[in-house]
PDB file of N, CA and C in Angstrom:
ATOM      1  N   UNK A   1      14.519 -12.429   8.154  1.00  0.00           N
ATOM      2  CA  UNK A   1      13.227 -11.876   8.527  1.00  0.00           C
ATOM      3  C   UNK A   1      13.210 -11.602  10.028  1.00  0.00           C
ATOM      4  N   UNK A   2      12.636 -10.501  10.420  1.00  0.00           N
ATOM      5  CA  UNK A   2      12.560 -10.130  11.833  1.00  0.00           C
ATOM      6  C   UNK A   2      11.401 -10.863  12.507  1.00  0.00           C
ATOM      7  N   UNK A   3      11.546 -11.062  13.841  1.00  0.00           N
ATOM      8  CA  UNK A   3      10.423 -11.648  14.575  1.00  0.00           C
ATOM      9  C   UNK A   3       9.306 -10.620  14.646  1.00  0.00           C
ATOM     10  N   UNK A   4       8.076 -11.098  14.848  1.00  0.00           N
ATOM     11  CA  UNK A   4       6.907 -10.201  14.897  1.00  0.00           C
ATOM     12  C   UNK A   4       7.104  -9.080  15.902  1.00  0.00           C
ATOM     13  N   UNK A   5       7.674  -9.392  17.071  1.00  0.00           N
ATOM     14  CA  UNK A   5       7.815  -8.397  18.137  1.00  0.00           C
ATOM     15  C   UNK A   5       8.796  -7.295  17.773  1.00  0.00           C
ATOM     16  N   UNK A   6       9.743  -7.576  16.877  1.00  0.00           N
ATOM     17  CA  UNK A   6      10.784  -6.596  16.552  1.00  0.00           C
ATOM     18  C   UNK A   6      10.511  -5.811  15.279  1.00  0.00           C
ATOM     19  N   UNK A   7       9.377  -6.022  14.667  1.00  0.00           N
ATOM     20  CA  UNK A   7       9.084  -5.320  13.421  1.00  0.00           C
ATOM     21  C   UNK A   7       8.656  -3.890  13.715  1.00  0.00           C
ATOM     22  N   UNK A   8       9.135  -2.987  12.881  1.00  0.00           N
ATOM     23  CA  UNK A   8       8.883  -1.564  13.078  1.00  0.00           C
ATOM     24  C   UNK A   8       8.218  -0.980  11.834  1.00  0.00           C
ATOM     25  N   UNK A   9       7.836   0.280  11.938  1.00  0.00           N
ATOM     26  CA  UNK A   9       7.278   0.990  10.788  1.00  0.00           C
ATOM     27  C   UNK A   9       8.277   0.947   9.639  1.00  0.00           C
ATOM     28  N   UNK A  10       9.551   1.156   9.939  1.00  0.00           N
ATOM     29  CA  UNK A  10      10.580   1.161   8.907  1.00  0.00           C
ATOM     30  C   UNK A  10      10.666  -0.197   8.209  1.00  0.00           C
ATOM     31  N   UNK A  11      10.528  -1.273   8.990  1.00  0.00           N
ATOM     32  CA  UNK A  11      10.549  -2.615   8.412  1.00  0.00           C
ATOM     33  C   UNK A  11       9.429  -2.744   7.373  1.00  0.00           C
ATOM     34  N   UNK A  12       8.208  -2.408   7.781  1.00  0.00           N
ATOM     35  CA  UNK A  12       7.068  -2.549   6.886  1.00  0.00           C
ATOM     36  C   UNK A  12       7.144  -1.579   5.704  1.00  0.00           C
ATOM     37  N   UNK A  13       7.651  -0.369   5.919  1.00  0.00           N
ATOM     38  CA  UNK A  13       7.778   0.588   4.819  1.00  0.00           C
ATOM     39  C   UNK A  13       8.772   0.094   3.776  1.00  0.00           C
ATOM     40  N   UNK A  14       9.695  -0.751   4.163  1.00  0.00           N
ATOM     41  CA  UNK A  14      10.683  -1.289   3.232  1.00  0.00           C
ATOM     42  C   UNK A  14      10.185  -2.457   2.394  1.00  0.00           C
ATOM     43  N   UNK A  15       8.994  -2.964   2.698  1.00  0.00           N
ATOM     44  CA  UNK A  15       8.432  -4.078   1.944  1.00  0.00           C
ATOM     45  C   UNK A  15       7.726  -3.560   0.689  1.00  0.00           C
ATOM     46  N   UNK A  16       7.656  -4.390  -0.321  1.00  0.00           N
ATOM     47  CA  UNK A  16       7.043  -3.997  -1.604  1.00  0.00           C
ATOM     48  C   UNK A  16       5.622  -4.523  -1.704  1.00  0.00           C
ATOM     49  N   UNK A  17       4.674  -3.663  -1.420  1.00  0.00           N
ATOM     50  CA  UNK A  17       3.263  -4.005  -1.533  1.00  0.00           C
ATOM     51  C   UNK A  17       2.773  -3.609  -2.920  1.00  0.00           C
ATOM     52  N   UNK A  18       1.836  -4.384  -3.458  1.00  0.00           N
ATOM     53  CA  UNK A  18       1.232  -4.056  -4.740  1.00  0.00           C
ATOM     54  C   UNK A  18       0.324  -2.844  -4.569  1.00  0.00           C
ATOM     55  N   UNK A  19       0.452  -1.888  -5.472  1.00  0.00           N
ATOM     56  CA  UNK A  19      -0.386  -0.692  -5.466  1.00  0.00           C
ATOM     57  C   UNK A  19      -1.314  -0.760  -6.677  1.00  0.00           C
ATOM     58  N   UNK A  20      -2.601  -0.546  -6.429  1.00  0.00           N
ATOM     59  CA  UNK A  20      -3.594  -0.506  -7.503  1.00  0.00           C
ATOM     60  C   UNK A  20      -3.929   0.958  -7.774  1.00  0.00           C
ATOM     61  N   UNK A  21      -3.793   1.367  -9.030  1.00  0.00           N
ATOM     62  CA  UNK A  21      -4.101   2.740  -9.433  1.00  0.00           C
ATOM     63  C   UNK A  21      -5.263   2.689 -10.421  1.00  0.00           C
ATOM     64  N   UNK A  22      -6.300   3.467 -10.123  1.00  0.00           N
ATOM     65  CA  UNK A  22      -7.461   3.539 -11.012  1.00  0.00           C
ATOM     66  C   UNK A  22      -7.718   4.988 -11.388  1.00  0.00           C
ATOM     67  N   UNK A  23      -8.025   5.193 -12.644  1.00  0.00           N
ATOM     68  CA  UNK A  23      -8.418   6.512 -13.134  1.00  0.00           C
ATOM     69  C   UNK A  23      -9.935   6.611 -13.031  1.00  0.00           C
ATOM     70  N   UNK A  24     -10.409   7.709 -12.469  1.00  0.00           N
ATOM     71  CA  UNK A  24     -11.853   7.903 -12.284  1.00  0.00           C
ATOM     72  C   UNK A  24     -12.251   9.205 -12.989  1.00  0.00           C
ATOM     73  N   UNK A  25     -13.263   9.110 -13.848  1.00  0.00           N
ATOM     74  CA  UNK A  25     -13.780  10.308 -14.510  1.00  0.00           C
ATOM     75  C   UNK A  25     -15.205  10.540 -14.056  1.00  0.00           C
ATOM     76  N   UNK A  26     -15.466  11.750 -13.644  1.00  0.00           N
ATOM     77  CA  UNK A  26     -16.814  12.129 -13.224  1.00  0.00           C
ATOM     78  C   UNK A  26     -17.437  12.996 -14.312  1.00  0.00           C
ATOM     79  N   UNK A  27     -18.710  13.232 -14.171  1.00  0.00           N
ATOM     80  CA  UNK A  27     -19.411  14.101 -15.121  1.00  0.00           C
ATOM     81  C   UNK A  27     -18.708  15.446 -15.187  1.00  0.00           C
ATOM     82  N   UNK A  28     -18.668  16.012 -16.364  1.00  0.00           N
ATOM     83  CA  UNK A  28     -18.015  17.304 -16.528  1.00  0.00           C
ATOM     84  C   UNK A  28     -16.516  17.181 -16.730  1.00  0.00           C
ATOM     85  N   UNK A  29     -16.039  15.996 -17.081  1.00  0.00           N
ATOM     86  CA  UNK A  29     -14.622  15.744 -17.382  1.00  0.00           C
ATOM     87  C   UNK A  29     -13.702  15.878 -16.183  1.00  0.00           C
ATOM     88  N   UNK A  30     -14.239  15.862 -14.979  1.00  0.00           N
ATOM     89  CA  UNK A  30     -13.393  15.882 -13.785  1.00  0.00           C
ATOM     90  C   UNK A  30     -12.726  14.513 -13.663  1.00  0.00           C
ATOM     91  N   UNK A  31     -11.393  14.489 -13.601  1.00  0.00           N
ATOM     92  CA  UNK A  31     -10.651  13.235 -13.537  1.00  0.00           C
ATOM     93  C   UNK A  31      -9.740  13.234 -12.326  1.00  0.00           C
ATOM     94  N   UNK A  32      -9.695  12.094 -11.641  1.00  0.00           N
ATOM     95  CA  UNK A  32      -8.765  11.919 -10.530  1.00  0.00           C
ATOM     96  C   UNK A  32      -8.353  10.462 -10.478  1.00  0.00           C
ATOM     97  N   UNK A  33      -7.437  10.152  -9.575  1.00  0.00           N
ATOM     98  CA  UNK A  33      -6.914   8.800  -9.454  1.00  0.00           C
ATOM     99  C   UNK A  33      -7.113   8.293  -8.030  1.00  0.00           C
ATOM    100  N   UNK A  34      -7.447   7.008  -7.918  1.00  0.00           N
ATOM    101  CA  UNK A  34      -7.467   6.373  -6.608  1.00  0.00           C
ATOM    102  C   UNK A  34      -6.307   5.390  -6.566  1.00  0.00           C
ATOM    103  N   UNK A  35      -5.649   5.341  -5.419  1.00  0.00           N
ATOM    104  CA  UNK A  35      -4.536   4.424  -5.212  1.00  0.00           C
ATOM    105  C   UNK A  35      -4.819   3.643  -3.943  1.00  0.00           C
ATOM    106  N   UNK A  36      -4.614   2.339  -3.995  1.00  0.00           N
ATOM    107  CA  UNK A  36      -4.867   1.508  -2.826  1.00  0.00           C
ATOM    108  C   UNK A  36      -3.863   0.365  -2.763  1.00  0.00           C
ATOM    109  N   UNK A  37      -3.768  -0.227  -1.583  1.00  0.00           N
ATOM    110  CA  UNK A  37      -2.949  -1.404  -1.358  1.00  0.00           C
ATOM    111  C   UNK A  37      -3.901  -2.473  -0.836  1.00  0.00           C
ATOM    112  N   UNK A  38      -4.297  -3.418  -1.691  1.00  0.00           N
ATOM    113  CA  UNK A  38      -5.324  -4.386  -1.312  1.00  0.00           C
ATOM    114  C   UNK A  38      -5.022  -5.164  -0.027  1.00  0.00           C
ATOM    115  N   UNK A  39      -3.772  -5.460   0.238  1.00  0.00           N
ATOM    116  CA  UNK A  39      -3.415  -6.243   1.422  1.00  0.00           C
ATOM    117  C   UNK A  39      -3.561  -5.462   2.725  1.00  0.00           C
ATOM    118  N   UNK A  40      -3.624  -4.143   2.632  1.00  0.00           N
ATOM    119  CA  UNK A  40      -3.732  -3.296   3.830  1.00  0.00           C
ATOM    120  C   UNK A  40      -5.155  -2.729   3.873  1.00  0.00           C
ATOM    121  N   UNK A  41      -6.020  -3.431   4.548  1.00  0.00           N
ATOM    122  CA  UNK A  41      -7.447  -3.138   4.586  1.00  0.00           C
ATOM    123  C   UNK A  41      -7.736  -1.676   4.906  1.00  0.00           C
ATOM    124  N   UNK A  42      -8.529  -1.059   4.038  1.00  0.00           N
ATOM    125  CA  UNK A  42      -8.966   0.309   4.267  1.00  0.00           C
ATOM    126  C   UNK A  42      -7.996   1.376   3.818  1.00  0.00           C
ATOM    127  N   UNK A  43      -6.851   0.982   3.300  1.00  0.00           N
ATOM    128  CA  UNK A  43      -5.846   1.974   2.906  1.00  0.00           C
ATOM    129  C   UNK A  43      -6.044   2.365   1.443  1.00  0.00           C
ATOM    130  N   UNK A  44      -6.512   3.594   1.232  1.00  0.00           N
ATOM    131  CA  UNK A  44      -6.730   4.121  -0.112  1.00  0.00           C
ATOM    132  C   UNK A  44      -6.688   5.637  -0.053  1.00  0.00           C
ATOM    133  N   UNK A  45      -6.252   6.237  -1.156  1.00  0.00           N
ATOM    134  CA  UNK A  45      -6.226   7.697  -1.257  1.00  0.00           C
ATOM    135  C   UNK A  45      -6.748   8.093  -2.633  1.00  0.00           C
ATOM    136  N   UNK A  46      -7.115   9.342  -2.780  1.00  0.00           N
ATOM    137  CA  UNK A  46      -7.517   9.911  -4.064  1.00  0.00           C
ATOM    138  C   UNK A  46      -6.695  11.171  -4.287  1.00  0.00           C
ATOM    139  N   UNK A  47      -6.299  11.399  -5.541  1.00  0.00           N
ATOM    140  CA  UNK A  47      -5.477  12.573  -5.845  1.00  0.00           C
ATOM    141  C   UNK A  47      -5.714  12.999  -7.294  1.00  0.00           C
ATOM    142  N   UNK A  48      -5.319  14.243  -7.592  1.00  0.00           N
ATOM    143  CA  UNK A  48      -5.486  14.785  -8.938  1.00  0.00           C
ATOM    144  C   UNK A  48      -4.480  14.217  -9.937  1.00  0.00           C
ATOM    145  N   UNK A  49      -3.350  13.695  -9.436  1.00  0.00           N
ATOM    146  CA  UNK A  49      -2.334  13.113 -10.316  1.00  0.00           C
ATOM    147  C   UNK A  49      -1.774  11.846  -9.666  1.00  0.00           C
ATOM    148  N   UNK A  50      -1.170  11.004 -10.483  1.00  0.00           N
ATOM    149  CA  UNK A  50      -0.580   9.780  -9.950  1.00  0.00           C
ATOM    150  C   UNK A  50       0.583  10.118  -9.018  1.00  0.00           C
ATOM    151  N   UNK A  51       1.409  11.086  -9.397  1.00  0.00           N
ATOM    152  CA  UNK A  51       2.562  11.422  -8.554  1.00  0.00           C
ATOM    153  C   UNK A  51       2.112  11.960  -7.195  1.00  0.00           C
ATOM    154  N   UNK A  52       1.076  12.777  -7.167  1.00  0.00           N
ATOM    155  CA  UNK A  52       0.553  13.273  -5.886  1.00  0.00           C
ATOM    156  C   UNK A  52      -0.042  12.112  -5.091  1.00  0.00           C
ATOM    157  N   UNK A  53      -0.709  11.195  -5.788  1.00  0.00           N
ATOM    158  CA  UNK A  53      -1.301  10.043  -5.122  1.00  0.00           C
ATOM    159  C   UNK A  53      -0.258   9.136  -4.495  1.00  0.00           C
ATOM    160  N   UNK A  54       0.863   8.944  -5.172  1.00  0.00           N
ATOM    161  CA  UNK A  54       1.935   8.105  -4.631  1.00  0.00           C
ATOM    162  C   UNK A  54       2.484   8.702  -3.343  1.00  0.00           C
ATOM    163  N   UNK A  55       2.663  10.022  -3.316  1.00  0.00           N
ATOM    164  CA  UNK A  55       3.141  10.676  -2.091  1.00  0.00           C
ATOM    165  C   UNK A  55       2.110  10.544  -0.971  1.00  0.00           C
ATOM    166  N   UNK A  56       0.853  10.796  -1.289  1.00  0.00           N
ATOM    167  CA  UNK A  56      -0.208  10.685  -0.276  1.00  0.00           C
ATOM    168  C   UNK A  56      -0.336   9.247   0.229  1.00  0.00           C
ATOM    169  N   UNK A  57      -0.193   8.283  -0.679  1.00  0.00           N
ATOM    170  CA  UNK A  57      -0.299   6.882  -0.278  1.00  0.00           C
ATOM    171  C   UNK A  57       0.854   6.492   0.654  1.00  0.00           C
ATOM    172  N   UNK A  58       2.057   6.976   0.371  1.00  0.00           N
ATOM    173  CA  UNK A  58       3.198   6.682   1.243  1.00  0.00           C
ATOM    174  C   UNK A  58       2.958   7.241   2.645  1.00  0.00           C
ATOM    175  N   UNK A  59       2.440   8.466   2.726  1.00  0.00           N
ATOM    176  CA  UNK A  59       2.145   9.075   4.029  1.00  0.00           C
ATOM    177  C   UNK A  59       1.055   8.290   4.764  1.00  0.00           C
ATOM    178  N   UNK A  60       0.005   7.917   4.033  1.00  0.00           N
ATOM    179  CA  UNK A  60      -1.099   7.168   4.634  1.00  0.00           C
ATOM    180  C   UNK A  60      -0.636   5.779   5.073  1.00  0.00           C
ATOM    181  N   UNK A  61       0.218   5.156   4.278  1.00  0.00           N
ATOM    182  CA  UNK A  61       0.729   3.817   4.601  1.00  0.00           C
ATOM    183  C   UNK A  61       1.548   3.865   5.897  1.00  0.00           C
ATOM    184  N   UNK A  62       2.362   4.880   6.045  1.00  0.00           N
ATOM    185  CA  UNK A  62       3.164   5.026   7.268  1.00  0.00           C
ATOM    186  C   UNK A  62       2.261   5.171   8.489  1.00  0.00           C
ATOM    187  N   UNK A  63       1.236   6.021   8.378  1.00  0.00           N
ATOM    188  CA  UNK A  63       0.296   6.194   9.491  1.00  0.00           C
ATOM    189  C   UNK A  63      -0.470   4.900   9.766  1.00  0.00           C
ATOM    190  N   UNK A  64      -0.828   4.158   8.713  1.00  0.00           N
ATOM    191  CA  UNK A  64      -1.540   2.883   8.849  1.00  0.00           C
ATOM    192  C   UNK A  64      -0.683   1.903   9.656  1.00  0.00           C
ATOM    193  N   UNK A  65       0.606   1.805   9.294  1.00  0.00           N
ATOM    194  CA  UNK A  65       1.512   0.906  10.021  1.00  0.00           C
ATOM    195  C   UNK A  65       1.669   1.360  11.479  1.00  0.00           C
ATOM    196  N   UNK A  66       1.871   2.658  11.691  1.00  0.00           N
ATOM    197  CA  UNK A  66       2.032   3.161  13.056  1.00  0.00           C
ATOM    198  C   UNK A  66       0.823   2.810  13.913  1.00  0.00           C
ATOM    199  N   UNK A  67      -0.360   3.063  13.420  1.00  0.00           N
ATOM    200  CA  UNK A  67      -1.590   2.794  14.168  1.00  0.00           C
ATOM    201  C   UNK A  67      -1.737   1.314  14.475  1.00  0.00           C
ATOM    202  N   UNK A  68      -1.542   0.469  13.470  1.00  0.00           N
ATOM    203  CA  UNK A  68      -1.721  -0.962  13.678  1.00  0.00           C
ATOM    204  C   UNK A  68      -0.668  -1.557  14.594  1.00  0.00           C
ATOM    205  N   UNK A  69       0.555  -1.039  14.562  1.00  0.00           N
ATOM    206  CA  UNK A  69       1.576  -1.498  15.506  1.00  0.00           C
ATOM    207  C   UNK A  69       1.214  -1.080  16.931  1.00  0.00           C
ATOM    208  N   UNK A  70       0.752   0.159  17.105  1.00  0.00           N
ATOM    209  CA  UNK A  70       0.366   0.635  18.445  1.00  0.00           C
ATOM    210  C   UNK A  70      -0.789  -0.173  19.017  1.00  0.00           C
ATOM    211  N   UNK A  71      -1.693  -0.616  18.161  1.00  0.00           N
ATOM    212  CA  UNK A  71      -2.854  -1.380  18.608  1.00  0.00           C
ATOM    213  C   UNK A  71      -2.593  -2.894  18.615  1.00  0.00           C
ATOM    214  N   UNK A  72      -1.336  -3.279  18.336  1.00  0.00           N
ATOM    215  CA  UNK A  72      -0.953  -4.694  18.295  1.00  0.00           C
ATOM    216  C   UNK A  72      -1.803  -5.522  17.340  1.00  0.00           C
ATOM    217  N   UNK A  73      -2.187  -4.909  16.235  1.00  0.00           N
ATOM    218  CA  UNK A  73      -2.952  -5.621  15.212  1.00  0.00           C
ATOM    219  C   UNK A  73      -1.978  -6.287  14.250  1.00  0.00           C
ATOM    220  N   UNK A  74      -2.355  -7.428  13.701  1.00  0.00           N
ATOM    221  CA  UNK A  74      -1.475  -8.085  12.727  1.00  0.00           C
ATOM    222  C   UNK A  74      -1.381  -7.258  11.447  1.00  0.00           C
ATOM    223  N   UNK A  75      -0.206  -7.240  10.877  1.00  0.00           N
ATOM    224  CA  UNK A  75       0.031  -6.528   9.624  1.00  0.00           C
ATOM    225  C   UNK A  75       0.468  -7.557   8.587  1.00  0.00           C
ATOM    226  N   UNK A  76      -0.312  -7.706   7.519  1.00  0.00           N
ATOM    227  CA  UNK A  76       0.064  -8.687   6.500  1.00  0.00           C
ATOM    228  C   UNK A  76       1.299  -8.231   5.724  1.00  0.00           C
ATOM    229  N   UNK A  77       2.111  -9.192   5.358  1.00  0.00           N
ATOM    230  CA  UNK A  77       3.253  -8.887   4.503  1.00  0.00           C
ATOM    231  C   UNK A  77       2.831  -9.126   3.061  1.00  0.00           C
ATOM    232  N   UNK A  78       3.526  -8.521   2.119  1.00  0.00           N
ATOM    233  CA  UNK A  78       3.139  -8.662   0.708  1.00  0.00           C
ATOM    234  C   UNK A  78       3.154 -10.124   0.278  1.00  0.00           C
ATOM    235  N   UNK A  79       2.204 -10.463  -0.562  1.00  0.00           N
ATOM    236  CA  UNK A  79       2.166 -11.789  -1.159  1.00  0.00           C
ATOM    237  C   UNK A  79       3.123 -11.806  -2.342  1.00  0.00           C
ATOM    238  N   UNK A  80       3.693 -12.968  -2.601  1.00  0.00           N
ATOM    239  CA  UNK A  80       4.594 -13.092  -3.746  1.00  0.00           C
ATOM    240  C   UNK A  80       3.804 -12.869  -5.030  1.00  0.00           C
ATOM    241  N   UNK A  81       4.387 -12.153  -5.946  1.00  0.00           N
ATOM    242  CA  UNK A  81       3.781 -11.918  -7.252  1.00  0.00           C
ATOM    243  C   UNK A  81       3.959 -13.181  -8.079  1.00  0.00           C
ATOM    244  N   UNK A  82       2.874 -13.769  -8.574  1.00  0.00           N
ATOM    245  CA  UNK A  82       3.005 -15.008  -9.353  1.00  0.00           C
ATOM    246  C   UNK A  82       3.926 -14.859 -10.559  1.00  0.00           C
ATOM    247  N   UNK A  83       4.045 -13.649 -11.093  1.00  0.00           N
ATOM    248  CA  UNK A  83       4.937 -13.419 -12.243  1.00  0.00           C
ATOM    249  C   UNK A  83       6.402 -13.462 -11.840  1.00  0.00           C
ATOM    250  N   UNK A  84       6.693 -13.330 -10.540  1.00  0.00           N
ATOM    251  CA  UNK A  84       8.071 -13.362 -10.052  1.00  0.00           C
ATOM    252  C   UNK A  84       8.512 -14.750  -9.607  1.00  0.00           C
ATOM    253  N   UNK A  85       7.601 -15.719  -9.682  1.00  0.00           N
ATOM    254  CA  UNK A  85       7.922 -17.075  -9.230  1.00  0.00           C
ATOM    255  C   UNK A  85       8.861 -17.736 -10.228  1.00  0.00           C
ATOM    256  N   UNK A  86       9.981 -18.280  -9.733  1.00  0.00           N
ATOM    257  CA  UNK A  86      10.894 -18.976 -10.652  1.00  0.00           C
ATOM    258  C   UNK A  86      10.204 -20.182 -11.288  1.00  0.00           C
ATOM    259  N   UNK A  87      10.501 -20.401 -12.536  1.00  0.00           N
ATOM    260  CA  UNK A  87       9.903 -21.522 -13.268  1.00  0.00           C
ATOM    261  C   UNK A  87      11.003 -22.489 -13.700  1.00  0.00           C
ATOM    262  N   UNK A  88      10.685 -23.781 -13.646  1.00  0.00           N
ATOM    263  CA  UNK A  88      11.616 -24.789 -14.135  1.00  0.00           C
ATOM    264  C   UNK A  88      11.632 -24.742 -15.646  1.00  0.00           C
ATOM    265  N   UNK A  89      12.783 -24.942 -16.214  1.00  0.00           N
ATOM    266  CA  UNK A  89      12.891 -24.907 -17.676  1.00  0.00           C
ATOM    267  C   UNK A  89      13.308 -26.260 -18.187  1.00  0.00           C
TER     268      UNK A  89
END
């Protein structure tokens, strides 16, 4: 693991954050998707398709990391997924 001072946008982009995808339907059958990363406050996008949303989210995530690094704000690292925790047998 890198020290806090040496972490870069590339470091954070290489981490696996949980992405939440929600389908939203509006009146008149208009449908779109919202994608967010709960650990990265305020980071969310909306798109007409999941694939477009994933691309937009990656771009937004990169800008989010760049801004927070420039402002010396703390950036949370992904929490371990409880389903990935090794279990004793």
